[in-house]
PDB file of N, CA and C in Angstrom:
ATOM      1  N   MET A   1     126.285  54.727 120.030  1.00  0.00           N
ATOM      2  CA  MET A   1     125.620  55.267 121.203  1.00  0.00           C
ATOM      3  C   MET A   1     126.172  56.662 121.497  1.00  0.00           C
ATOM      4  N   LYS A   2     125.326  57.606 121.695  1.00  0.00           N
ATOM      5  CA  LYS A   2     125.723  58.976 121.981  1.00  0.00           C
ATOM      6  C   LYS A   2     125.894  59.157 123.490  1.00  0.00           C
ATOM      7  N   THR A   3     127.033  59.755 123.882  1.00  0.00           N
ATOM      8  CA  THR A   3     127.269  59.986 125.296  1.00  0.00           C
ATOM      9  C   THR A   3     126.840  61.401 125.665  1.00  0.00           C
ATOM     10  N   LYS A   4     126.418  61.556 126.886  1.00  0.00           N
ATOM     11  CA  LYS A   4     125.981  62.848 127.393  1.00  0.00           C
ATOM     12  C   LYS A   4     127.198  63.741 127.644  1.00  0.00           C
ATOM     13  N   HIS A   5     127.101  65.001 127.224  1.00  0.00           N
ATOM     14  CA  HIS A   5     128.185  65.965 127.449  1.00  0.00           C
ATOM     15  C   HIS A   5     128.273  66.279 128.943  1.00  0.00           C
ATOM     16  N   ASP A   6     129.471  66.258 129.475  1.00  0.00           N
ATOM     17  CA  ASP A   6     129.711  66.577 130.878  1.00  0.00           C
ATOM     18  C   ASP A   6     130.395  67.943 130.932  1.00  0.00           C
ATOM     19  N   ALA A   7     129.621  68.984 131.213  1.00  0.00           N
ATOM     20  CA  ALA A   7     130.137  70.356 131.213  1.00  0.00           C
ATOM     21  C   ALA A   7     131.215  70.551 132.274  1.00  0.00           C
ATOM     22  N   THR A   8     131.074  69.901 133.422  1.00  0.00           N
ATOM     23  CA  THR A   8     132.078  70.034 134.484  1.00  0.00           C
ATOM     24  C   THR A   8     133.403  69.427 134.041  1.00  0.00           C
ATOM     25  N   LEU A   9     133.352  68.248 133.483  1.00  0.00           N
ATOM     26  CA  LEU A   9     134.566  67.596 132.992  1.00  0.00           C
ATOM     27  C   LEU A   9     135.234  68.473 131.928  1.00  0.00           C
ATOM     28  N   ALA A  10     134.446  69.044 131.039  1.00  0.00           N
ATOM     29  CA  ALA A  10     134.992  69.920 129.999  1.00  0.00           C
ATOM     30  C   ALA A  10     135.672  71.147 130.611  1.00  0.00           C
ATOM     31  N   ARG A  11     135.102  71.717 131.650  1.00  0.00           N
ATOM     32  CA  ARG A  11     135.706  72.882 132.313  1.00  0.00           C
ATOM     33  C   ARG A  11     137.038  72.516 132.973  1.00  0.00           C
ATOM     34  N   ILE A  12     137.082  71.368 133.631  1.00  0.00           N
ATOM     35  CA  ILE A  12     138.315  70.936 134.290  1.00  0.00           C
ATOM     36  C   ILE A  12     139.393  70.660 133.240  1.00  0.00           C
ATOM     37  N   GLU A  13     139.030  69.978 132.152  1.00  0.00           N
ATOM     38  CA  GLU A  13     139.986  69.696 131.091  1.00  0.00           C
ATOM     39  C   GLU A  13     140.500  70.985 130.453  1.00  0.00           C
ATOM     40  N   ALA A  14     139.618  71.961 130.249  1.00  0.00           N
ATOM     41  CA  ALA A  14     140.028  73.245 129.672  1.00  0.00           C
ATOM     42  C   ALA A  14     141.009  73.954 130.606  1.00  0.00           C
ATOM     43  N   TYR A  15     140.738  73.948 131.890  1.00  0.00           N
ATOM     44  CA  TYR A  15     141.643  74.560 132.878  1.00  0.00           C
ATOM     45  C   TYR A  15     143.022  73.912 132.779  1.00  0.00           C
ATOM     46  N   ASN A  16     143.047  72.598 132.720  1.00  0.00           N
ATOM     47  CA  ASN A  16     144.296  71.852 132.631  1.00  0.00           C
ATOM     48  C   ASN A  16     145.057  72.220 131.353  1.00  0.00           C
ATOM     49  N   ARG A  17     144.376  72.240 130.223  1.00  0.00           N
ATOM     50  CA  ARG A  17     145.025  72.586 128.946  1.00  0.00           C
ATOM     51  C   ARG A  17     145.583  74.002 128.967  1.00  0.00           C
ATOM     52  N   GLU A  18     144.810  74.950 129.500  1.00  0.00           N
ATOM     53  CA  GLU A  18     145.237  76.356 129.534  1.00  0.00           C
ATOM     54  C   GLU A  18     146.505  76.549 130.356  1.00  0.00           C
ATOM     55  N   ARG A  19     146.774  75.647 131.264  1.00  0.00           N
ATOM     56  CA  ARG A  19     147.943  75.760 132.124  1.00  0.00           C
ATOM     57  C   ARG A  19     149.041  74.760 131.747  1.00  0.00           C
ATOM     58  N   GLY A  20     148.973  74.236 130.545  1.00  0.00           N
ATOM     59  CA  GLY A  20     150.040  73.381 130.040  1.00  0.00           C
ATOM     60  C   GLY A  20     149.884  71.904 130.272  1.00  0.00           C
ATOM     61  N   GLY A  21     148.758  71.460 130.809  1.00  0.00           N
ATOM     62  CA  GLY A  21     148.514  70.034 131.005  1.00  0.00           C
ATOM     63  C   GLY A  21     149.263  69.462 132.191  1.00  0.00           C
ATOM     64  N   GLY A  22     149.471  68.159 132.138  1.00  0.00           N
ATOM     65  CA  GLY A  22     150.172  67.480 133.224  1.00  0.00           C
ATOM     66  C   GLY A  22     149.258  66.747 134.176  1.00  0.00           C
ATOM     67  N   VAL A  23     147.940  66.912 133.975  1.00  0.00           N
ATOM     68  CA  VAL A  23     146.970  66.271 134.862  1.00  0.00           C
ATOM     69  C   VAL A  23     145.973  65.471 134.015  1.00  0.00           C
ATOM     70  N   ARG A  24     145.729  64.253 134.433  1.00  0.00           N
ATOM     71  CA  ARG A  24     144.692  63.425 133.824  1.00  0.00           C
ATOM     72  C   ARG A  24     143.446  63.537 134.702  1.00  0.00           C
ATOM     73  N   ILE A  25     142.291  63.685 134.095  1.00  0.00           N
ATOM     74  CA  ILE A  25     141.045  63.836 134.848  1.00  0.00           C
ATOM     75  C   ILE A  25     140.179  62.614 134.592  1.00  0.00           C
ATOM     76  N   GLN A  26     139.717  62.005 135.669  1.00  0.00           N
ATOM     77  CA  GLN A  26     138.831  60.846 135.556  1.00  0.00           C
ATOM     78  C   GLN A  26     137.519  61.139 136.257  1.00  0.00           C
ATOM     79  N   LYS A  27     136.433  60.915 135.561  1.00  0.00           N
ATOM     80  CA  LYS A  27     135.105  60.968 136.176  1.00  0.00           C
ATOM     81  C   LYS A  27     134.928  59.627 136.860  1.00  0.00           C
ATOM     82  N   ALA A  28     134.669  59.657 138.134  1.00  0.00           N
ATOM     83  CA  ALA A  28     134.500  58.418 138.897  1.00  0.00           C
ATOM     84  C   ALA A  28     133.381  58.615 139.897  1.00  0.00           C
ATOM     85  N   GLY A  29     132.361  57.807 139.786  1.00  0.00           N
ATOM     86  CA  GLY A  29     131.223  57.949 140.679  1.00  0.00           C
ATOM     87  C   GLY A  29     130.603  59.322 140.516  1.00  0.00           C
ATOM     88  N   ARG A  30     130.452  60.032 141.601  1.00  0.00           N
ATOM     89  CA  ARG A  30     129.849  61.362 141.560  1.00  0.00           C
ATOM     90  C   ARG A  30     130.885  62.481 141.615  1.00  0.00           C
ATOM     91  N   GLY A  31     132.139  62.162 141.331  1.00  0.00           N
ATOM     92  CA  GLY A  31     133.170  63.187 141.423  1.00  0.00           C
ATOM     93  C   GLY A  31     134.196  63.080 140.317  1.00  0.00           C
ATOM     94  N   TYR A  32     135.223  63.904 140.435  1.00  0.00           N
ATOM     95  CA  TYR A  32     136.278  64.007 139.433  1.00  0.00           C
ATOM     96  C   TYR A  32     137.623  63.874 140.135  1.00  0.00           C
ATOM     97  N   THR A  33     138.434  62.940 139.653  1.00  0.00           N
ATOM     98  CA  THR A  33     139.739  62.698 140.239  1.00  0.00           C
ATOM     99  C   THR A  33     140.804  63.294 139.337  1.00  0.00           C
ATOM    100  N   LEU A  34     141.710  64.066 139.923  1.00  0.00           N
ATOM    101  CA  LEU A  34     142.829  64.658 139.210  1.00  0.00           C
ATOM    102  C   LEU A  34     144.068  63.846 139.548  1.00  0.00           C
ATOM    103  N   ILE A  35     144.777  63.391 138.503  1.00  0.00           N
ATOM    104  CA  ILE A  35     145.925  62.499 138.670  1.00  0.00           C
ATOM    105  C   ILE A  35     147.120  63.073 137.915  1.00  0.00           C
ATOM    106  N   ARG A  36     148.279  63.079 138.559  1.00  0.00           N
ATOM    107  CA  ARG A  36     149.509  63.542 137.892  1.00  0.00           C
ATOM    108  C   ARG A  36     149.840  62.602 136.750  1.00  0.00           C
ATOM    109  N   GLU A  37     150.056  63.160 135.555  1.00  0.00           N
ATOM    110  CA  GLU A  37     150.424  62.327 134.413  1.00  0.00           C
ATOM    111  C   GLU A  37     151.832  61.765 134.554  1.00  0.00           C
ATOM    112  N   ASP A  38     152.743  62.502 135.195  1.00  0.00           N
ATOM    113  CA  ASP A  38     154.138  62.061 135.275  1.00  0.00           C
ATOM    114  C   ASP A  38     154.355  60.924 136.273  1.00  0.00           C
ATOM    115  N   THR A  39     153.567  60.871 137.343  1.00  0.00           N
ATOM    116  CA  THR A  39     153.779  59.837 138.366  1.00  0.00           C
ATOM    117  C   THR A  39     152.588  58.900 138.552  1.00  0.00           C
ATOM    118  N   GLY A  40     151.409  59.309 138.059  1.00  0.00           N
ATOM    119  CA  GLY A  40     150.205  58.514 138.280  1.00  0.00           C
ATOM    120  C   GLY A  40     149.624  58.694 139.673  1.00  0.00           C
ATOM    121  N   ARG A  41     150.204  59.597 140.453  1.00  0.00           N
ATOM    122  CA  ARG A  41     149.761  59.838 141.831  1.00  0.00           C
ATOM    123  C   ARG A  41     148.516  60.716 141.852  1.00  0.00           C
ATOM    124  N   PRO A  42     147.524  60.362 142.684  1.00  0.00           N
ATOM    125  CA  PRO A  42     146.340  61.219 142.831  1.00  0.00           C
ATOM    126  C   PRO A  42     146.724  62.599 143.365  1.00  0.00           C
ATOM    127  N   VAL A  43     146.098  63.632 142.816  1.00  0.00           N
ATOM    128  CA  VAL A  43     146.345  65.008 143.242  1.00  0.00           C
ATOM    129  C   VAL A  43     145.213  65.490 144.129  1.00  0.00           C
ATOM    130  N   ALA A  44     143.996  65.420 143.610  1.00  0.00           N
ATOM    131  CA  ALA A  44     142.831  65.928 144.339  1.00  0.00           C
ATOM    132  C   ALA A  44     141.566  65.278 143.792  1.00  0.00           C
ATOM    133  N   ARG A  45     140.514  65.411 144.553  1.00  0.00           N
ATOM    134  CA  ARG A  45     139.196  64.917 144.135  1.00  0.00           C
ATOM    135  C   ARG A  45     138.226  66.072 144.313  1.00  0.00           C
ATOM    136  N   LEU A  46     137.403  66.297 143.288  1.00  0.00           N
ATOM    137  CA  LEU A  46     136.373  67.337 143.316  1.00  0.00           C
ATOM    138  C   LEU A  46     135.015  66.657 143.300  1.00  0.00           C
ATOM    139  N   CYS A  47     134.227  66.924 144.325  1.00  0.00           N
ATOM    140  CA  CYS A  47     132.914  66.300 144.457  1.00  0.00           C
ATOM    141  C   CYS A  47     131.833  67.378 144.447  1.00  0.00           C
ATOM    142  N   PRO A  48     130.923  67.342 143.469  1.00  0.00           N
ATOM    143  CA  PRO A  48     129.852  68.336 143.449  1.00  0.00           C
ATOM    144  C   PRO A  48     128.956  68.189 144.675  1.00  0.00           C
ATOM    145  N   THR A  49     128.509  69.308 145.207  1.00  0.00           N
ATOM    146  CA  THR A  49     127.659  69.276 146.396  1.00  0.00           C
ATOM    147  C   THR A  49     126.176  69.237 146.041  1.00  0.00           C
ATOM    148  N   GLY A  50     125.852  69.565 144.777  1.00  0.00           N
ATOM    149  CA  GLY A  50     124.449  69.661 144.385  1.00  0.00           C
ATOM    150  C   GLY A  50     123.879  71.039 144.650  1.00  0.00           C
ATOM    151  N   LYS A  51     124.723  71.946 145.128  1.00  0.00           N
ATOM    152  CA  LYS A  51     124.309  73.321 145.422  1.00  0.00           C
ATOM    153  C   LYS A  51     125.006  74.258 144.449  1.00  0.00           C
ATOM    154  N   GLY A  52     124.436  74.415 143.276  1.00  0.00           N
ATOM    155  CA  GLY A  52     125.018  75.290 142.263  1.00  0.00           C
ATOM    156  C   GLY A  52     126.376  74.803 141.816  1.00  0.00           C
ATOM    157  N   ASP A  53     127.350  75.705 141.793  1.00  0.00           N
ATOM    158  CA  ASP A  53     128.687  75.422 141.299  1.00  0.00           C
ATOM    159  C   ASP A  53     129.656  75.058 142.437  1.00  0.00           C
ATOM    160  N   GLN A  54     129.147  74.667 143.591  1.00  0.00           N
ATOM    161  CA  GLN A  54     129.988  74.355 144.751  1.00  0.00           C
ATOM    162  C   GLN A  54     130.513  72.924 144.676  1.00  0.00           C
ATOM    163  N   PHE A  55     131.812  72.791 144.968  1.00  0.00           N
ATOM    164  CA  PHE A  55     132.466  71.485 144.991  1.00  0.00           C
ATOM    165  C   PHE A  55     133.225  71.319 146.288  1.00  0.00           C
ATOM    166  N   GLU A  56     133.248  70.093 146.778  1.00  0.00           N
ATOM    167  CA  GLU A  56     134.116  69.772 147.912  1.00  0.00           C
ATOM    168  C   GLU A  56     135.458  69.331 147.354  1.00  0.00           C
ATOM    169  N   ILE A  57     136.536  69.877 147.921  1.00  0.00           N
ATOM    170  CA  ILE A  57     137.894  69.486 147.541  1.00  0.00           C
ATOM    171  C   ILE A  57     138.394  68.473 148.567  1.00  0.00           C
ATOM    172  N   LYS A  58     138.888  67.343 148.053  1.00  0.00           N
ATOM    173  CA  LYS A  58     139.482  66.333 148.932  1.00  0.00           C
ATOM    174  C   LYS A  58     140.923  66.105 148.509  1.00  0.00           C
ATOM    175  N   TRP A  59     141.718  65.619 149.453  1.00  0.00           N
ATOM    176  CA  TRP A  59     143.111  65.309 149.161  1.00  0.00           C
ATOM    177  C   TRP A  59     143.386  63.845 149.437  1.00  0.00           C
ATOM    178  N   TRP A  60     144.424  63.313 148.785  1.00  0.00           N
ATOM    179  CA  TRP A  60     144.807  61.913 148.911  1.00  0.00           C
ATOM    180  C   TRP A  60     145.767  61.770 150.073  1.00  0.00           C
ATOM    181  N   ARG A  61     145.368  61.005 151.071  1.00  0.00           N
ATOM    182  CA  ARG A  61     146.235  60.789 152.230  1.00  0.00           C
ATOM    183  C   ARG A  61     145.998  59.392 152.778  1.00  0.00           C
ATOM    184  N   ARG A  62     147.063  58.765 153.134  1.00  0.00           N
ATOM    185  CA  ARG A  62     146.992  57.409 153.710  1.00  0.00           C
ATOM    186  C   ARG A  62     146.158  56.462 152.854  1.00  0.00           C
ATOM    187  N   GLU A  63     146.335  56.568 151.550  1.00  0.00           N
ATOM    188  CA  GLU A  63     145.680  55.671 150.585  1.00  0.00           C
ATOM    189  C   GLU A  63     144.160  55.819 150.509  1.00  0.00           C
ATOM    190  N   THR A  64     143.653  56.984 150.867  1.00  0.00           N
ATOM    191  CA  THR A  64     142.214  57.256 150.740  1.00  0.00           C
ATOM    192  C   THR A  64     141.994  58.764 150.593  1.00  0.00           C
ATOM    193  N   TRP A  65     140.808  59.148 150.144  1.00  0.00           N
ATOM    194  CA  TRP A  65     140.468  60.564 150.034  1.00  0.00           C
ATOM    195  C   TRP A  65     140.017  61.084 151.382  1.00  0.00           C
ATOM    196  N   GLY A  66     140.542  62.241 151.754  1.00  0.00           N
ATOM    197  CA  GLY A  66     140.191  62.827 153.042  1.00  0.00           C
ATOM    198  C   GLY A  66     139.777  64.276 152.923  1.00  0.00           C
ATOM    199  N   GLN A  67     139.077  64.740 153.940  1.00  0.00           N
ATOM    200  CA  GLN A  67     138.693  66.147 154.008  1.00  0.00           C
ATOM    201  C   GLN A  67     139.919  66.993 154.310  1.00  0.00           C
ATOM    202  N   ILE A  68     139.906  68.212 153.792  1.00  0.00           N
ATOM    203  CA  ILE A  68     140.968  69.174 154.089  1.00  0.00           C
ATOM    204  C   ILE A  68     140.537  69.948 155.327  1.00  0.00           C
ATOM    205  N   GLY A  69     141.368  69.982 156.311  1.00  0.00           N
ATOM    206  CA  GLY A  69     141.063  70.737 157.523  1.00  0.00           C
ATOM    207  C   GLY A  69     140.242  69.944 158.524  1.00  0.00           C
ATOM    208  N   ASP A  70     139.946  70.591 159.621  1.00  0.00           N
ATOM    209  CA  ASP A  70     139.272  69.928 160.736  1.00  0.00           C
ATOM    210  C   ASP A  70     137.833  70.375 160.952  1.00  0.00           C
ATOM    211  N   PHE A  71     137.339  71.262 160.101  1.00  0.00           N
ATOM    212  CA  PHE A  71     136.033  71.865 160.365  1.00  0.00           C
ATOM    213  C   PHE A  71     134.979  71.512 159.321  1.00  0.00           C
ATOM    214  N   GLY A  72     135.021  70.308 158.809  1.00  0.00           N
ATOM    215  CA  GLY A  72     134.033  69.872 157.838  1.00  0.00           C
ATOM    216  C   GLY A  72     134.512  70.034 156.413  1.00  0.00           C
ATOM    217  N   PRO A  73     133.633  69.800 155.461  1.00  0.00           N
ATOM    218  CA  PRO A  73     134.016  69.840 154.051  1.00  0.00           C
ATOM    219  C   PRO A  73     134.567  71.203 153.633  1.00  0.00           C
ATOM    220  N   PHE A  74     135.538  71.179 152.741  1.00  0.00           N
ATOM    221  CA  PHE A  74     136.164  72.380 152.196  1.00  0.00           C
ATOM    222  C   PHE A  74     135.486  72.653 150.861  1.00  0.00           C
ATOM    223  N   LEU A  75     134.629  73.672 150.802  1.00  0.00           N
ATOM    224  CA  LEU A  75     133.788  73.931 149.633  1.00  0.00           C
ATOM    225  C   LEU A  75     134.181  75.215 148.918  1.00  0.00           C
ATOM    226  N   MET A  76     134.144  75.154 147.566  1.00  0.00           N
ATOM    227  CA  MET A  76     134.434  76.321 146.728  1.00  0.00           C
ATOM    228  C   MET A  76     133.736  76.140 145.389  1.00  0.00           C
ATOM    229  N   PRO A  77     133.473  77.267 144.688  1.00  0.00           N
ATOM    230  CA  PRO A  77     133.037  77.157 143.289  1.00  0.00           C
ATOM    231  C   PRO A  77     134.152  76.488 142.471  1.00  0.00           C
ATOM    232  N   LEU A  78     133.792  75.844 141.375  1.00  0.00           N
ATOM    233  CA  LEU A  78     134.753  75.042 140.619  1.00  0.00           C
ATOM    234  C   LEU A  78     136.006  75.820 140.214  1.00  0.00           C
ATOM    235  N   ASP A  79     135.874  77.001 139.635  1.00  0.00           N
ATOM    236  CA  ASP A  79     137.052  77.750 139.189  1.00  0.00           C
ATOM    237  C   ASP A  79     137.976  78.088 140.354  1.00  0.00           C
ATOM    238  N   GLU A  80     137.413  78.484 141.481  1.00  0.00           N
ATOM    239  CA  GLU A  80     138.226  78.772 142.665  1.00  0.00           C
ATOM    240  C   GLU A  80     138.896  77.505 143.191  1.00  0.00           C
ATOM    241  N   ALA A  81     138.174  76.392 143.150  1.00  0.00           N
ATOM    242  CA  ALA A  81     138.729  75.118 143.616  1.00  0.00           C
ATOM    243  C   ALA A  81     139.925  74.714 142.761  1.00  0.00           C
ATOM    244  N   LEU A  82     139.815  74.861 141.445  1.00  0.00           N
ATOM    245  CA  LEU A  82     140.923  74.513 140.560  1.00  0.00           C
ATOM    246  C   LEU A  82     142.131  75.413 140.813  1.00  0.00           C
ATOM    247  N   ASP A  83     141.889  76.704 141.017  1.00  0.00           N
ATOM    248  CA  ASP A  83     142.986  77.624 141.350  1.00  0.00           C
ATOM    249  C   ASP A  83     143.633  77.246 142.677  1.00  0.00           C
ATOM    250  N   TYR A  84     142.821  76.873 143.660  1.00  0.00           N
ATOM    251  CA  TYR A  84     143.333  76.486 144.976  1.00  0.00           C
ATOM    252  C   TYR A  84     144.233  75.252 144.859  1.00  0.00           C
ATOM    253  N   ILE A  85     143.780  74.270 144.104  1.00  0.00           N
ATOM    254  CA  ILE A  85     144.572  73.055 143.923  1.00  0.00           C
ATOM    255  C   ILE A  85     145.880  73.381 143.206  1.00  0.00           C
ATOM    256  N   ALA A  86     145.823  74.221 142.173  1.00  0.00           N
ATOM    257  CA  ALA A  86     147.023  74.590 141.415  1.00  0.00           C
ATOM    258  C   ALA A  86     148.028  75.333 142.296  1.00  0.00           C
ATOM    259  N   ARG A  87     147.547  76.241 143.143  1.00  0.00           N
ATOM    260  CA  ARG A  87     148.427  77.016 144.045  1.00  0.00           C
ATOM    261  C   ARG A  87     148.945  76.155 145.191  1.00  0.00           C
ATOM    262  N   ASP A  88     148.131  75.246 145.686  1.00  0.00           N
ATOM    263  CA  ASP A  88     148.465  74.325 146.772  1.00  0.00           C
ATOM    264  C   ASP A  88     149.050  75.031 147.992  1.00  0.00           C
ATOM    265  N   PRO A  89     148.306  75.988 148.588  1.00  0.00           N
ATOM    266  CA  PRO A  89     148.836  76.742 149.717  1.00  0.00           C
ATOM    267  C   PRO A  89     149.124  75.899 150.960  1.00  0.00           C
ATOM    268  N   MET A  90     148.496  74.744 151.087  1.00  0.00           N
ATOM    269  CA  MET A  90     148.739  73.891 152.253  1.00  0.00           C
ATOM    270  C   MET A  90     149.786  72.811 151.991  1.00  0.00           C
ATOM    271  N   GLY A  91     150.232  72.695 150.742  1.00  0.00           N
ATOM    272  CA  GLY A  91     151.250  71.692 150.407  1.00  0.00           C
ATOM    273  C   GLY A  91     150.745  70.260 150.477  1.00  0.00           C
ATOM    274  N   CYS A  92     149.490  70.037 150.151  1.00  0.00           N
ATOM    275  CA  CYS A  92     148.938  68.682 150.289  1.00  0.00           C
ATOM    276  C   CYS A  92     148.601  68.023 148.945  1.00  0.00           C
ATOM    277  N   PHE A  93     148.776  68.721 147.828  1.00  0.00           N
ATOM    278  CA  PHE A  93     148.390  68.133 146.545  1.00  0.00           C
ATOM    279  C   PHE A  93     149.574  67.688 145.686  1.00  0.00           C
ATOM    280  N   TRP A  94     150.575  68.522 145.553  1.00  0.00           N
ATOM    281  CA  TRP A  94     151.644  68.308 144.572  1.00  0.00           C
ATOM    282  C   TRP A  94     152.940  67.837 145.227  1.00  0.00           C
ATOM    283  N   TYR A  95     152.946  66.671 145.744  1.00  0.00           N
ATOM    284  CA  TYR A  95     154.184  66.133 146.319  1.00  0.00           C
ATOM    285  C   TYR A  95     154.520  64.820 145.671  1.00  0.00           C
TER     286      TYR A  95
END
């Protein structure tokens, strides 16, 4: 059986490889979960919005995925979202 190519998954995996790895990516439902390979802890969830290359970034808190901030979904194009997660300016992903 031939599987359909997932361009988004390929982009996320390429980003991870280019930066030395350390993250496992799982396609789950309508989004992508990033998991630390060293601890198995969830890092972030990227959910496509259906509006071009825009993704909602979610963080793992209190055993569930939550919105970042208080003003609705936190949206960015995929490449910017991956950079944001890697930089972690709010300190909510890499602990």
